[in-house]
């Protein structure tokens, strides 16, 4: 297993911090494990982990993120592939995806799906923003549970495509 990048650590911190009941198992390079979450078995809260991720390393001191060897999301979130996570909550099942795009652009892209006649009828999305971590959490629900995964995949693909296009444009400007 490859060590997680700083970006992946940041995204995991945002997911666990924004999702009630979510946990994050952090494995250290020494093989020790740490459970991040809000339950009684958590050793570190999601807020504490987020603060560590946001902290700038002190000059001459080791960077704690360099000691992270692995991450696994759990609790109320279940990874289902392609950067999507299933959230089971009292209000029903939702699919959660993260993005580095801003919330206004995400909202515009989601509206664009509706006007392009993409089958999003019956779907709803909530956009949570963690400005400090530079991550948006998009939580998708659907009236029809059978259509939830397809709709979430379309949303995730749309966001990923826009992120790739923005990255390509940034390379052209360099």
Protein backbone atom coordinates (compact mmCIF):
# COMPACT_ATOMS: atom_id res chain seq x y z
CA UNK A 1 0.00 0.00 0.00
CA UNK A 2 1.39 3.41 -0.97
CA UNK A 3 1.62 6.09 1.70
CA UNK A 4 -1.21 8.60 1.43
CA UNK A 5 -0.39 11.98 -0.05
CA UNK A 6 -0.94 15.20 1.88
CA UNK A 7 -3.94 15.83 -0.38
CA UNK A 8 -5.48 12.47 0.51
CA UNK A 9 -4.88 13.08 4.21
CA UNK A 10 -6.54 16.50 3.87
CA UNK A 11 -9.55 15.00 2.07
CA UNK A 12 -9.91 12.24 4.69
CA UNK A 13 -9.77 14.84 7.47
CA UNK A 14 -12.52 16.86 5.77
CA UNK A 15 -14.72 13.78 5.24
CA UNK A 16 -14.48 12.60 8.84
CA UNK A 17 -14.84 16.10 10.26
CA UNK A 18 -17.99 16.82 8.24
CA UNK A 19 -19.80 13.47 8.54
CA UNK A 20 -21.44 12.49 11.83
CA UNK A 21 -20.45 8.99 12.88
CA UNK A 22 -17.57 8.71 10.39
CA UNK A 23 -14.29 7.25 11.58
CA UNK A 24 -10.77 7.24 10.23
CA UNK A 25 -8.23 4.55 11.07
CA UNK A 26 -4.76 6.06 10.79
CA UNK A 27 -1.84 3.66 10.55
CA UNK A 28 1.60 4.99 11.43
CA UNK A 29 4.88 4.14 9.73
CA UNK A 30 5.77 2.31 12.98
CA UNK A 31 2.70 0.08 12.59
CA UNK A 32 0.61 1.64 15.37
CA UNK A 33 -3.03 2.45 14.75
CA UNK A 34 -5.08 5.45 15.80
CA UNK A 35 -8.87 5.77 15.60
CA UNK A 36 -10.21 9.22 14.74
CA UNK A 37 -13.90 9.93 15.28
CA UNK A 38 -16.56 11.01 17.73
CA UNK A 39 -17.47 7.75 19.46
CA UNK A 40 -16.22 6.46 22.81
CA UNK A 41 -13.62 4.22 21.15
CA UNK A 42 -12.03 7.14 19.28
CA UNK A 43 -8.60 8.11 20.53
CA UNK A 44 -8.60 11.47 18.74
CA UNK A 45 -11.59 13.56 17.73
CA UNK A 46 -12.14 14.58 14.12
CA UNK A 47 -11.58 18.22 15.18
CA UNK A 48 -8.22 17.36 16.77
CA UNK A 49 -7.08 15.43 13.69
CA UNK A 50 -8.17 18.29 11.44
CA UNK A 51 -6.08 20.73 13.52
CA UNK A 52 -3.01 18.46 13.12
CA UNK A 53 -3.55 18.31 9.35
CA UNK A 54 -3.88 22.10 9.16
CA UNK A 55 -0.88 22.84 11.41
CA UNK A 56 2.31 24.08 9.80
CA UNK A 57 5.28 21.98 10.94
CA UNK A 58 7.68 23.81 13.21
CA UNK A 59 11.11 24.35 11.69
CA UNK A 60 13.44 21.64 12.97
CA UNK A 61 10.57 19.50 14.25
CA UNK A 62 9.27 16.38 12.49
CA UNK A 63 6.10 16.76 10.40
CA UNK A 64 3.49 14.45 11.96
CA UNK A 65 1.88 13.80 8.55
CA UNK A 66 5.12 12.16 7.39
CA UNK A 67 4.45 9.35 9.88
CA UNK A 68 1.10 8.39 8.34
CA UNK A 69 1.44 5.13 6.42
CA UNK A 70 -2.21 4.37 5.72
CA UNK A 71 -5.78 5.60 6.10
CA UNK A 72 -9.11 3.82 6.05
CA UNK A 73 -12.53 5.45 6.32
CA UNK A 74 -15.26 3.72 8.31
CA UNK A 75 -18.07 4.23 10.77
CA UNK A 76 -21.03 5.84 9.02
CA UNK A 77 -19.02 6.10 5.77
CA UNK A 78 -18.28 3.13 3.53
CA UNK A 79 -15.92 3.55 0.56
CA UNK A 80 -17.61 2.20 -2.57
CA UNK A 81 -14.96 3.04 -5.16
CA UNK A 82 -14.14 5.91 -7.45
CA UNK A 83 -13.80 8.35 -4.56
CA UNK A 84 -17.43 7.77 -3.56
CA UNK A 85 -18.54 6.94 -0.02
CA UNK A 86 -21.91 5.57 1.08
CA UNK A 87 -23.31 7.32 4.14
CA UNK A 88 -25.97 5.54 6.11
CA UNK A 89 -27.84 7.89 8.39
CA UNK A 90 -31.25 8.16 9.99
CA UNK A 91 -32.48 10.16 6.97
CA UNK A 92 -31.55 7.34 4.58
CA UNK A 93 -28.65 6.53 2.32
CA UNK A 94 -26.54 9.24 0.69
CA UNK A 95 -23.44 9.14 -1.46
CA UNK A 96 -20.63 11.52 -0.54
CA UNK A 97 -17.91 12.81 -2.88
CA UNK A 98 -15.20 15.41 -2.29
CA UNK A 99 -13.95 18.14 -4.59
CA UNK A 100 -11.33 20.88 -4.57
CA UNK A 101 -13.63 23.05 -6.69
CA UNK A 102 -15.35 25.99 -5.02
CA UNK A 103 -18.97 25.68 -3.87
CA UNK A 104 -20.30 28.25 -6.38
CA UNK A 105 -18.75 26.38 -9.30
CA UNK A 106 -20.00 23.05 -7.97
CA UNK A 107 -23.51 24.47 -7.76
CA UNK A 108 -23.23 25.77 -11.35
CA UNK A 109 -22.03 22.35 -12.56
CA UNK A 110 -24.91 20.61 -10.79
CA UNK A 111 -27.41 23.04 -12.35
CA UNK A 112 -25.75 22.35 -15.71
CA UNK A 113 -26.53 18.66 -15.31
CA UNK A 114 -30.21 19.52 -14.92
CA UNK A 115 -30.30 21.72 -18.03
CA UNK A 116 -28.34 19.14 -20.06
CA UNK A 117 -31.19 16.67 -19.42
CA UNK A 118 -28.95 14.35 -17.46
CA UNK A 119 -31.15 12.06 -15.41
CA UNK A 120 -30.92 13.81 -12.04
CA UNK A 121 -34.66 14.07 -11.51
CA UNK A 122 -35.43 13.17 -7.89
CA UNK A 123 -31.88 13.90 -6.75
CA UNK A 124 -30.75 16.48 -4.25
CA UNK A 125 -27.28 17.59 -3.22
CA UNK A 126 -25.92 19.41 -0.21
CA UNK A 127 -22.54 21.13 -0.47
CA UNK A 128 -20.44 21.46 2.66
CA UNK A 129 -17.34 23.63 2.58
CA UNK A 130 -14.16 23.35 4.61
CA UNK A 131 -12.32 26.48 3.50
CA UNK A 132 -9.26 25.78 5.66
CA UNK A 133 -8.78 22.32 4.15
CA UNK A 134 -9.70 23.54 0.66
CA UNK A 135 -12.29 20.83 0.22
CA UNK A 136 -16.01 20.68 -0.53
CA UNK A 137 -18.07 17.69 0.55
CA UNK A 138 -20.98 17.00 -1.79
CA UNK A 139 -23.65 14.76 -0.28
CA UNK A 140 -26.11 13.31 -2.80
CA UNK A 141 -29.53 11.81 -2.07
CA UNK A 142 -32.18 10.46 -4.41
CA UNK A 143 -35.89 9.69 -4.13
CA UNK A 144 -35.22 6.43 -5.95
CA UNK A 145 -32.55 4.34 -4.15
CA UNK A 146 -31.88 2.42 -7.39
CA UNK A 147 -30.89 5.66 -9.16
CA UNK A 148 -28.71 7.01 -6.34
CA UNK A 149 -25.45 5.35 -7.40
CA UNK A 150 -25.85 6.29 -11.07
CA UNK A 151 -26.60 9.91 -10.18
CA UNK A 152 -23.65 10.06 -7.77
CA UNK A 153 -21.34 8.64 -10.44
CA UNK A 154 -22.48 11.32 -12.91
CA UNK A 155 -21.91 14.06 -10.32
CA UNK A 156 -18.48 12.68 -9.35
CA UNK A 157 -17.47 12.39 -13.01
CA UNK A 158 -18.58 15.95 -13.72
CA UNK A 159 -16.59 17.31 -10.77
CA UNK A 160 -13.50 15.25 -11.62
CA UNK A 161 -13.64 16.39 -15.27
CA UNK A 162 -13.78 20.04 -14.23
CA UNK A 163 -10.89 19.56 -11.79
CA UNK A 164 -8.83 17.95 -14.58
CA UNK A 165 -9.67 20.79 -16.98
CA UNK A 166 -8.65 23.39 -14.39
CA UNK A 167 -5.39 21.54 -13.78
CA UNK A 168 -4.66 21.43 -17.54
CA UNK A 169 -5.38 25.17 -17.83
CA UNK A 170 -3.01 25.87 -14.93
CA UNK A 171 -0.25 23.96 -16.75
CA UNK A 172 -0.85 26.00 -19.90
CA UNK A 173 -0.39 29.22 -17.92
CA UNK A 174 2.89 28.01 -16.39
